[in-house]
Amino acid sequence: MRVPGTTVDYPIVQGRRESPDFYLTHDASGERSAWGAPYIDAGCAQGAESPLVIVYGHHMSDGTMFAPLAQYSSRDFAEGHRTIRVITREKEIELEVFAVDVVDASSEGKRTDFADAAELDAYLGDKLSQCEVVLEEPADVVQAWAFVTCSYQTSNSRTVVYAKEVEGWDSRPSE
């Protein structure tokens, strides 16, 4: 994944059901690493095709990994960095940030399973009503992404950056 205008440019891996937090302490190759690797929540059974793709990454004090994502809690930063690109084996996806929230990880639950698009849309609507920064209120979202990293407003804060695929974006290489 890449966030233009930031240092975020890392491979994303799929979390393991048998060890959901494995990539907090291991890199994309499976080697031990304090930086870990950005990873899709193990509960996202369809990986990058899940209705809500939750991606975690460390906020390192040296400014690496997902540290720049904590800056999205500033409306100015969020407006200036709305594009996130994800490249899978099958395709390139251009995402647009639509909201940001800072949550208390101790009390915030997560959800990875939705019966249909209407259920996801209702869930996102509820989340948007609580977000600190809302850049747009998308309707009829079929898939969304949530990028999560530590932030330091409280002892257990997380910044959550919500994004949706840009409709009609042509990911084919230009000739």
N, C-alpha and C. Protein backbone atom coordinates (compact mmCIF):
# COMPACT_ATOMS: atom_id res chain seq x y z
N MET A 1 0.84 -1.18 0.00
CA MET A 1 0.00 0.00 0.00
C MET A 1 0.87 1.23 0.00
N ARG A 2 0.35 2.28 -0.59
CA ARG A 2 1.07 3.56 -0.65
C ARG A 2 0.12 4.70 -0.31
N VAL A 3 0.63 5.68 0.43
CA VAL A 3 -0.10 6.91 0.68
C VAL A 3 0.77 8.03 0.11
N PRO A 4 0.42 8.53 -1.09
CA PRO A 4 1.22 9.58 -1.71
C PRO A 4 1.40 10.79 -0.78
N GLY A 5 2.61 11.33 -0.77
CA GLY A 5 2.91 12.49 0.08
C GLY A 5 3.31 12.12 1.49
N THR A 6 3.43 10.80 1.77
CA THR A 6 3.88 10.33 3.08
C THR A 6 4.94 9.25 2.87
N THR A 7 5.45 8.73 3.97
CA THR A 7 6.43 7.64 3.90
C THR A 7 5.76 6.26 3.89
N VAL A 8 4.45 6.21 3.89
CA VAL A 8 3.75 4.92 3.90
C VAL A 8 3.86 4.28 2.51
N ASP A 9 4.61 3.18 2.44
CA ASP A 9 4.84 2.43 1.21
C ASP A 9 5.33 1.04 1.63
N TYR A 10 4.38 0.16 1.95
CA TYR A 10 4.73 -1.14 2.53
C TYR A 10 3.86 -2.24 1.97
N PRO A 11 4.39 -3.46 1.99
CA PRO A 11 3.52 -4.60 1.65
C PRO A 11 2.52 -4.83 2.78
N ILE A 12 1.35 -5.31 2.42
CA ILE A 12 0.34 -5.69 3.39
C ILE A 12 0.20 -7.21 3.31
N VAL A 13 0.09 -7.85 4.46
CA VAL A 13 -0.10 -9.30 4.49
C VAL A 13 -1.45 -9.62 5.14
N GLN A 14 -1.91 -10.84 4.95
CA GLN A 14 -3.16 -11.29 5.56
C GLN A 14 -2.85 -11.86 6.94
N GLY A 15 -3.59 -11.41 7.96
CA GLY A 15 -3.44 -11.95 9.30
C GLY A 15 -3.79 -13.43 9.33
N ARG A 16 -3.17 -14.15 10.26
CA ARG A 16 -3.37 -15.59 10.37
C ARG A 16 -4.42 -15.90 11.42
N ARG A 17 -5.36 -16.75 11.09
CA ARG A 17 -6.41 -17.13 12.05
C ARG A 17 -5.81 -17.77 13.30
N GLU A 18 -4.80 -18.62 13.12
CA GLU A 18 -4.21 -19.33 14.26
C GLU A 18 -3.35 -18.42 15.14
N SER A 19 -2.94 -17.28 14.62
CA SER A 19 -2.12 -16.33 15.37
C SER A 19 -2.41 -14.92 14.86
N PRO A 20 -3.57 -14.35 15.26
CA PRO A 20 -4.04 -13.09 14.68
C PRO A 20 -3.08 -11.91 14.81
N ASP A 21 -2.25 -11.88 15.84
CA ASP A 21 -1.33 -10.76 16.06
C ASP A 21 0.10 -11.06 15.60
N PHE A 22 0.30 -12.12 14.85
CA PHE A 22 1.63 -12.54 14.41
C PHE A 22 2.41 -11.39 13.76
N TYR A 23 1.76 -10.62 12.89
CA TYR A 23 2.47 -9.59 12.15
C TYR A 23 2.72 -8.31 12.94
N LEU A 24 2.31 -8.29 14.21
CA LEU A 24 2.73 -7.18 15.07
C LEU A 24 4.22 -7.29 15.38
N THR A 25 4.73 -8.52 15.36
CA THR A 25 6.14 -8.77 15.73
C THR A 25 6.94 -9.47 14.64
N HIS A 26 6.37 -9.59 13.44
CA HIS A 26 7.05 -10.24 12.33
C HIS A 26 6.87 -9.43 11.05
N ASP A 27 7.88 -9.45 10.19
CA ASP A 27 7.77 -8.72 8.93
C ASP A 27 7.01 -9.56 7.90
N ALA A 28 6.86 -9.04 6.71
CA ALA A 28 6.08 -9.71 5.67
C ALA A 28 6.68 -11.06 5.27
N SER A 29 7.97 -11.27 5.54
CA SER A 29 8.63 -12.54 5.24
C SER A 29 8.50 -13.54 6.39
N GLY A 30 7.92 -13.10 7.52
CA GLY A 30 7.76 -13.98 8.67
C GLY A 30 8.91 -13.92 9.65
N GLU A 31 9.89 -13.03 9.40
CA GLU A 31 11.03 -12.88 10.32
C GLU A 31 10.65 -11.94 11.47
N ARG A 32 11.20 -12.19 12.65
CA ARG A 32 10.91 -11.33 13.80
C ARG A 32 11.36 -9.90 13.50
N SER A 33 10.51 -8.95 13.88
CA SER A 33 10.78 -7.55 13.61
C SER A 33 9.99 -6.68 14.57
N ALA A 34 10.64 -5.69 15.17
CA ALA A 34 9.95 -4.75 16.04
C ALA A 34 8.96 -3.90 15.26
N TRP A 35 9.19 -3.73 13.96
CA TRP A 35 8.31 -2.93 13.12
C TRP A 35 7.08 -3.72 12.68
N GLY A 36 7.19 -5.04 12.71
CA GLY A 36 6.08 -5.86 12.24
C GLY A 36 5.83 -5.63 10.76
N ALA A 37 4.60 -5.87 10.35
CA ALA A 37 4.19 -5.63 8.96
C ALA A 37 2.73 -5.22 8.97
N PRO A 38 2.35 -4.25 8.14
CA PRO A 38 0.92 -3.94 8.04
C PRO A 38 0.17 -5.20 7.61
N TYR A 39 -0.96 -5.46 8.28
CA TYR A 39 -1.67 -6.69 7.98
C TYR A 39 -3.18 -6.51 8.05
N ILE A 40 -3.85 -7.32 7.23
CA ILE A 40 -5.31 -7.35 7.22
C ILE A 40 -5.76 -8.23 8.37
N ASP A 41 -6.74 -7.75 9.12
CA ASP A 41 -7.29 -8.48 10.26
C ASP A 41 -7.62 -9.91 9.86
N ALA A 42 -7.26 -10.87 10.70
CA ALA A 42 -7.51 -12.28 10.43
C ALA A 42 -9.00 -12.57 10.26
N GLY A 43 -9.87 -11.75 10.84
CA GLY A 43 -11.31 -11.93 10.71
C GLY A 43 -11.86 -11.52 9.35
N CYS A 44 -11.05 -10.86 8.55
CA CYS A 44 -11.47 -10.48 7.19
C CYS A 44 -11.25 -11.70 6.30
N ALA A 45 -12.22 -12.60 6.31
CA ALA A 45 -12.08 -13.91 5.66
C ALA A 45 -11.79 -13.83 4.17
N GLN A 46 -12.23 -12.77 3.52
CA GLN A 46 -12.01 -12.63 2.07
C GLN A 46 -10.83 -11.73 1.76
N GLY A 47 -10.00 -11.46 2.76
CA GLY A 47 -8.83 -10.63 2.54
C GLY A 47 -9.20 -9.27 1.99
N ALA A 48 -8.53 -8.86 0.91
CA ALA A 48 -8.76 -7.55 0.31
C ALA A 48 -10.11 -7.46 -0.40
N GLU A 49 -10.86 -8.54 -0.44
CA GLU A 49 -12.20 -8.54 -1.05
C GLU A 49 -13.29 -8.50 0.02
N SER A 50 -12.92 -8.45 1.28
CA SER A 50 -13.89 -8.41 2.39
C SER A 50 -14.72 -7.13 2.31
N PRO A 51 -15.94 -7.14 2.85
CA PRO A 51 -16.77 -5.93 2.85
C PRO A 51 -16.10 -4.76 3.59
N LEU A 52 -15.49 -5.05 4.73
CA LEU A 52 -14.73 -4.05 5.48
C LEU A 52 -13.34 -4.64 5.70
N VAL A 53 -12.36 -4.08 5.02
CA VAL A 53 -10.99 -4.56 5.13
C VAL A 53 -10.30 -3.73 6.21
N ILE A 54 -9.95 -4.36 7.32
CA ILE A 54 -9.28 -3.66 8.42
C ILE A 54 -7.80 -3.96 8.33
N VAL A 55 -6.98 -2.91 8.22
CA VAL A 55 -5.53 -3.06 8.08
C VAL A 55 -4.86 -2.39 9.27
N TYR A 56 -4.02 -3.14 9.99
CA TYR A 56 -3.30 -2.62 11.15
C TYR A 56 -1.84 -2.39 10.80
N GLY A 57 -1.25 -1.38 11.41
CA GLY A 57 0.18 -1.14 11.27
C GLY A 57 0.68 -0.33 12.45
N HIS A 58 1.91 -0.58 12.84
CA HIS A 58 2.51 0.13 13.98
C HIS A 58 2.72 1.62 13.68
N HIS A 59 2.62 2.41 14.71
CA HIS A 59 2.99 3.83 14.68
C HIS A 59 4.36 3.90 15.36
N MET A 60 5.42 3.85 14.58
CA MET A 60 6.77 3.82 15.15
C MET A 60 7.24 5.23 15.49
N SER A 61 7.98 5.33 16.58
CA SER A 61 8.44 6.65 17.05
C SER A 61 9.43 7.29 16.07
N ASP A 62 10.02 6.49 15.17
CA ASP A 62 10.94 7.07 14.18
C ASP A 62 10.19 7.58 12.95
N GLY A 63 8.84 7.57 13.00
CA GLY A 63 8.03 8.11 11.91
C GLY A 63 7.74 7.11 10.81
N THR A 64 8.15 5.85 10.97
CA THR A 64 7.94 4.85 9.93
C THR A 64 6.65 4.08 10.15
N MET A 65 6.44 3.13 9.29
CA MET A 65 5.25 2.28 9.25
C MET A 65 4.00 3.16 9.11
N PHE A 66 3.00 3.02 9.98
CA PHE A 66 1.76 3.78 9.85
C PHE A 66 1.77 5.08 10.64
N ALA A 67 2.92 5.52 11.14
CA ALA A 67 2.98 6.76 11.93
C ALA A 67 2.29 7.94 11.22
N PRO A 68 2.49 8.14 9.90
CA PRO A 68 1.82 9.27 9.25
C PRO A 68 0.30 9.20 9.32
N LEU A 69 -0.28 8.01 9.47
CA LEU A 69 -1.74 7.90 9.50
C LEU A 69 -2.34 8.60 10.71
N ALA A 70 -1.59 8.72 11.80
CA ALA A 70 -2.10 9.43 12.98
C ALA A 70 -2.37 10.90 12.68
N GLN A 71 -1.70 11.44 11.66
CA GLN A 71 -1.90 12.84 11.29
C GLN A 71 -3.26 13.09 10.63
N TYR A 72 -3.93 12.01 10.21
CA TYR A 72 -5.25 12.16 9.59
C TYR A 72 -6.28 12.73 10.55
N SER A 73 -6.02 12.75 11.85
CA SER A 73 -6.97 13.34 12.79
C SER A 73 -7.03 14.86 12.63
N SER A 74 -6.10 15.42 11.86
CA SER A 74 -6.14 16.84 11.48
C SER A 74 -6.88 16.95 10.14
N ARG A 75 -7.96 17.71 10.12
CA ARG A 75 -8.75 17.87 8.89
C ARG A 75 -7.88 18.33 7.72
N ASP A 76 -6.98 19.28 7.95
CA ASP A 76 -6.13 19.78 6.87
C ASP A 76 -5.28 18.67 6.27
N PHE A 77 -4.69 17.83 7.14
CA PHE A 77 -3.87 16.73 6.65
C PHE A 77 -4.74 15.75 5.86
N ALA A 78 -5.90 15.41 6.41
CA ALA A 78 -6.80 14.45 5.76
C ALA A 78 -7.23 14.96 4.39
N GLU A 79 -7.59 16.24 4.30
CA GLU A 79 -8.00 16.80 3.01
C GLU A 79 -6.86 16.78 1.99
N GLY A 80 -5.64 16.95 2.45
CA GLY A 80 -4.49 16.98 1.56
C GLY A 80 -3.93 15.62 1.20
N HIS A 81 -4.45 14.56 1.84
CA HIS A 81 -3.91 13.21 1.61
C HIS A 81 -5.06 12.21 1.49
N ARG A 82 -5.98 12.48 0.62
CA ARG A 82 -7.18 11.63 0.52
C ARG A 82 -6.94 10.33 -0.24
N THR A 83 -5.87 10.25 -1.01
CA THR A 83 -5.63 9.06 -1.83
C THR A 83 -4.77 8.03 -1.11
N ILE A 84 -5.23 6.79 -1.15
CA ILE A 84 -4.45 5.64 -0.68
C ILE A 84 -4.50 4.62 -1.82
N ARG A 85 -3.36 4.05 -2.17
CA ARG A 85 -3.31 3.05 -3.24
C ARG A 85 -2.94 1.69 -2.66
N VAL A 86 -3.69 0.69 -3.07
CA VAL A 86 -3.43 -0.69 -2.65
C VAL A 86 -3.22 -1.50 -3.91
N ILE A 87 -2.14 -2.26 -3.93
CA ILE A 87 -1.82 -3.09 -5.09
C ILE A 87 -1.87 -4.54 -4.64
N THR A 88 -2.76 -5.31 -5.24
CA THR A 88 -2.85 -6.74 -4.93
C THR A 88 -2.28 -7.52 -6.11
N ARG A 89 -2.25 -8.81 -5.98
CA ARG A 89 -1.78 -9.63 -7.10
C ARG A 89 -2.70 -9.49 -8.32
N GLU A 90 -3.98 -9.21 -8.04
CA GLU A 90 -4.96 -9.16 -9.11
C GLU A 90 -5.17 -7.78 -9.71
N LYS A 91 -5.03 -6.72 -8.89
CA LYS A 91 -5.39 -5.39 -9.40
C LYS A 91 -4.79 -4.29 -8.53
N GLU A 92 -4.88 -3.07 -9.06
CA GLU A 92 -4.53 -1.88 -8.30
C GLU A 92 -5.82 -1.19 -7.92
N ILE A 93 -5.89 -0.75 -6.67
CA ILE A 93 -7.10 -0.12 -6.16
C ILE A 93 -6.75 1.28 -5.68
N GLU A 94 -7.49 2.26 -6.15
CA GLU A 94 -7.32 3.61 -5.63
C GLU A 94 -8.45 3.87 -4.66
N LEU A 95 -8.07 4.22 -3.43
CA LEU A 95 -9.04 4.50 -2.38
C LEU A 95 -9.05 5.99 -2.10
N GLU A 96 -10.20 6.46 -1.60
CA GLU A 96 -10.33 7.85 -1.20
C GLU A 96 -10.79 7.89 0.26
N VAL A 97 -10.05 8.61 1.08
CA VAL A 97 -10.39 8.73 2.49
C VAL A 97 -11.68 9.54 2.62
N PHE A 98 -12.62 9.02 3.41
CA PHE A 98 -13.87 9.75 3.63
C PHE A 98 -14.10 10.14 5.07
N ALA A 99 -13.40 9.51 6.03
CA ALA A 99 -13.59 9.86 7.43
C ALA A 99 -12.41 9.35 8.26
N VAL A 100 -12.27 9.96 9.44
CA VAL A 100 -11.20 9.58 10.37
C VAL A 100 -11.77 9.67 11.77
N ASP A 101 -11.38 8.71 12.60
CA ASP A 101 -11.80 8.76 14.00
C ASP A 101 -10.62 8.36 14.88
N VAL A 102 -10.62 8.88 16.08
CA VAL A 102 -9.67 8.46 17.11
C VAL A 102 -10.52 7.77 18.16
N VAL A 103 -10.21 6.49 18.40
CA VAL A 103 -11.03 5.68 19.29
C VAL A 103 -10.21 5.16 20.46
N ASP A 104 -10.88 4.76 21.51
CA ASP A 104 -10.25 4.10 22.65
C ASP A 104 -10.30 2.60 22.35
N ALA A 105 -9.16 1.99 22.14
CA ALA A 105 -9.11 0.58 21.77
C ALA A 105 -9.65 -0.32 22.87
N SER A 106 -9.68 0.16 24.11
CA SER A 106 -10.18 -0.65 25.21
C SER A 106 -11.69 -0.86 25.12
N SER A 107 -12.38 0.10 24.53
CA SER A 107 -13.84 0.01 24.50
C SER A 107 -14.41 -0.12 23.09
N GLU A 108 -13.60 0.09 22.09
CA GLU A 108 -14.09 0.04 20.70
C GLU A 108 -14.08 -1.41 20.21
N GLY A 109 -15.23 -1.89 19.79
CA GLY A 109 -15.30 -3.22 19.22
C GLY A 109 -14.98 -3.17 17.74
N LYS A 110 -14.75 -4.32 17.16
CA LYS A 110 -14.52 -4.37 15.72
C LYS A 110 -15.50 -5.37 15.12
N ARG A 111 -15.78 -5.16 13.87
CA ARG A 111 -16.69 -6.05 13.16
C ARG A 111 -16.12 -6.31 11.78
N THR A 112 -16.10 -7.57 11.38
CA THR A 112 -15.54 -7.91 10.07
C THR A 112 -16.53 -8.65 9.18
N ASP A 113 -17.71 -8.97 9.70
CA ASP A 113 -18.67 -9.77 8.94
C ASP A 113 -19.98 -9.01 8.75
N PHE A 114 -20.45 -8.95 7.51
CA PHE A 114 -21.68 -8.24 7.18
C PHE A 114 -22.51 -9.12 6.25
N ALA A 115 -23.81 -9.19 6.50
CA ALA A 115 -24.70 -10.02 5.69
C ALA A 115 -24.82 -9.51 4.26
N ASP A 116 -24.83 -8.18 4.10
CA ASP A 116 -24.97 -7.60 2.77
C ASP A 116 -24.50 -6.15 2.79
N ALA A 117 -24.56 -5.51 1.63
CA ALA A 117 -24.08 -4.12 1.49
C ALA A 117 -24.89 -3.17 2.37
N ALA A 118 -26.19 -3.43 2.54
CA ALA A 118 -27.03 -2.56 3.37
C ALA A 118 -26.57 -2.59 4.82
N GLU A 119 -26.18 -3.75 5.30
CA GLU A 119 -25.70 -3.88 6.68
C GLU A 119 -24.37 -3.14 6.86
N LEU A 120 -23.49 -3.24 5.88
CA LEU A 120 -22.23 -2.49 5.93
C LEU A 120 -22.51 -1.00 5.89
N ASP A 121 -23.40 -0.56 5.03
CA ASP A 121 -23.74 0.85 4.91
C ASP A 121 -24.29 1.39 6.23
N ALA A 122 -25.15 0.63 6.90
CA ALA A 122 -25.70 1.04 8.20
C ALA A 122 -24.59 1.13 9.25
N TYR A 123 -23.70 0.16 9.24
CA TYR A 123 -22.57 0.16 10.18
C TYR A 123 -21.70 1.40 9.97
N LEU A 124 -21.37 1.69 8.72
CA LEU A 124 -20.55 2.86 8.42
C LEU A 124 -21.26 4.16 8.79
N GLY A 125 -22.56 4.21 8.57
CA GLY A 125 -23.34 5.39 8.96
C GLY A 125 -23.25 5.64 10.44
N ASP A 126 -23.32 4.58 11.23
CA ASP A 126 -23.18 4.71 12.68
C ASP A 126 -21.79 5.19 13.05
N LYS A 127 -20.77 4.64 12.41
CA LYS A 127 -19.38 5.07 12.67
C LYS A 127 -19.19 6.53 12.30
N LEU A 128 -19.73 6.94 11.16
CA LEU A 128 -19.57 8.33 10.71
C LEU A 128 -20.15 9.32 11.71
N SER A 129 -21.22 8.94 12.36
CA SER A 129 -21.86 9.84 13.33
C SER A 129 -20.95 10.11 14.52
N GLN A 130 -19.93 9.28 14.70
CA GLN A 130 -19.01 9.43 15.83
C GLN A 130 -17.63 9.93 15.42
N CYS A 131 -17.36 10.03 14.13
CA CYS A 131 -16.02 10.39 13.65
C CYS A 131 -15.67 11.86 13.93
N GLU A 132 -14.39 12.07 14.20
CA GLU A 132 -13.88 13.41 14.44
C GLU A 132 -13.74 14.22 13.16
N VAL A 133 -13.38 13.55 12.06
CA VAL A 133 -13.21 14.21 10.77
C VAL A 133 -14.06 13.45 9.76
N VAL A 134 -15.00 14.13 9.13
CA VAL A 134 -15.82 13.54 8.06
C VAL A 134 -15.62 14.41 6.83
N LEU A 135 -15.01 13.82 5.80
CA LEU A 135 -14.75 14.55 4.56
C LEU A 135 -15.91 14.41 3.58
N GLU A 136 -16.61 13.29 3.67
CA GLU A 136 -17.81 13.08 2.87
C GLU A 136 -18.60 11.96 3.53
N GLU A 137 -19.89 11.93 3.25
CA GLU A 137 -20.75 10.87 3.77
C GLU A 137 -21.19 10.00 2.61
N PRO A 138 -20.39 8.99 2.28
CA PRO A 138 -20.73 8.16 1.13
C PRO A 138 -21.98 7.32 1.42
N ALA A 139 -22.74 7.09 0.37
CA ALA A 139 -23.92 6.24 0.49
C ALA A 139 -23.72 5.00 -0.36
N ASP A 140 -24.39 3.94 0.01
CA ASP A 140 -24.36 2.69 -0.75
C ASP A 140 -22.94 2.16 -0.95
N VAL A 141 -22.15 2.17 0.11
CA VAL A 141 -20.79 1.65 0.03
C VAL A 141 -20.85 0.11 0.06
N VAL A 142 -20.26 -0.52 -0.94
CA VAL A 142 -20.24 -1.97 -1.03
C VAL A 142 -19.03 -2.53 -0.30
N GLN A 143 -17.94 -1.77 -0.29
CA GLN A 143 -16.72 -2.17 0.39
C GLN A 143 -16.02 -0.93 0.94
N ALA A 144 -15.46 -1.08 2.13
CA ALA A 144 -14.69 0.01 2.73
C ALA A 144 -13.42 -0.57 3.32
N TRP A 145 -12.47 0.31 3.54
CA TRP A 145 -11.20 -0.04 4.17
C TRP A 145 -11.06 0.80 5.43
N ALA A 146 -10.47 0.22 6.47
CA ALA A 146 -10.18 0.94 7.71
C ALA A 146 -8.72 0.68 8.05
N PHE A 147 -7.91 1.73 8.02
CA PHE A 147 -6.49 1.63 8.34
C PHE A 147 -6.31 2.10 9.78
N VAL A 148 -5.70 1.26 10.61
CA VAL A 148 -5.66 1.49 12.06
C VAL A 148 -4.23 1.54 12.55
N THR A 149 -3.93 2.56 13.37
CA THR A 149 -2.62 2.66 14.00
C THR A 149 -2.77 3.29 15.37
N CYS A 150 -1.78 3.10 16.22
CA CYS A 150 -1.80 3.72 17.53
C CYS A 150 -1.70 5.24 17.39
N SER A 151 -2.33 5.92 18.31
CA SER A 151 -2.17 7.37 18.41
C SER A 151 -2.11 7.67 19.90
N TYR A 152 -1.72 8.85 20.24
CA TYR A 152 -1.36 9.07 21.64
C TYR A 152 -2.20 10.13 22.34
N GLN A 153 -3.48 10.28 21.95
CA GLN A 153 -4.37 11.20 22.64
C GLN A 153 -4.68 10.69 24.05
N THR A 154 -4.81 9.36 24.19
CA THR A 154 -4.97 8.71 25.50
C THR A 154 -4.03 7.52 25.53
N SER A 155 -4.03 6.79 26.63
CA SER A 155 -3.09 5.67 26.76
C SER A 155 -3.38 4.52 25.79
N ASN A 156 -4.59 4.44 25.25
CA ASN A 156 -4.92 3.32 24.37
C ASN A 156 -5.68 3.78 23.12
N SER A 157 -5.31 4.94 22.59
CA SER A 157 -5.99 5.48 21.41
C SER A 157 -5.51 4.82 20.13
N ARG A 158 -6.42 4.76 19.18
CA ARG A 158 -6.11 4.31 17.83
C ARG A 158 -6.73 5.31 16.86
N THR A 159 -5.99 5.63 15.81
CA THR A 159 -6.53 6.42 14.72
C THR A 159 -7.04 5.43 13.67
N VAL A 160 -8.27 5.65 13.22
CA VAL A 160 -8.88 4.80 12.20
C VAL A 160 -9.19 5.69 11.00
N VAL A 161 -8.59 5.35 9.86
CA VAL A 161 -8.78 6.10 8.62
C VAL A 161 -9.67 5.25 7.71
N TYR A 162 -10.87 5.78 7.41
CA TYR A 162 -11.83 5.06 6.57
C TYR A 162 -11.70 5.53 5.13
N ALA A 163 -11.72 4.57 4.20
CA ALA A 163 -11.60 4.90 2.78
C ALA A 163 -12.48 3.97 1.95
N LYS A 164 -12.81 4.44 0.76
CA LYS A 164 -13.61 3.64 -0.17
C LYS A 164 -12.94 3.69 -1.54
N GLU A 165 -13.25 2.68 -2.35
CA GLU A 165 -12.67 2.63 -3.69
C GLU A 165 -13.21 3.76 -4.54
N VAL A 166 -12.34 4.35 -5.34
CA VAL A 166 -12.73 5.39 -6.27
C VAL A 166 -13.45 4.71 -7.42
N GLU A 167 -14.71 5.07 -7.61
CA GLU A 167 -15.51 4.47 -8.68
C GLU A 167 -14.95 4.85 -10.05
N GLY A 168 -14.87 3.86 -10.91
CA GLY A 168 -14.46 4.13 -12.29
C GLY A 168 -12.98 4.43 -12.47
N TRP A 169 -12.17 4.23 -11.43
CA TRP A 169 -10.75 4.49 -11.57
C TRP A 169 -10.15 3.40 -12.44
N ASP A 170 -9.39 3.80 -13.43
CA ASP A 170 -8.78 2.87 -14.37
C ASP A 170 -7.39 2.53 -13.88
N SER A 171 -7.23 1.28 -13.41
CA SER A 171 -5.94 0.88 -12.86
C SER A 171 -5.00 0.29 -13.90
N ARG A 172 -5.44 0.25 -15.16
CA ARG A 172 -4.55 -0.29 -16.19
C ARG A 172 -3.38 0.66 -16.41
N PRO A 173 -2.20 0.11 -16.66
CA PRO A 173 -1.06 0.97 -16.93
C PRO A 173 -1.31 1.82 -18.18
N SER A 174 -0.86 3.07 -18.13
CA SER A 174 -1.01 3.92 -19.31
C SER A 174 -0.02 3.47 -20.38
N GLU A 175 -0.39 3.70 -21.61
CA GLU A 175 0.48 3.24 -22.71
C GLU A 175 1.42 4.31 -23.15
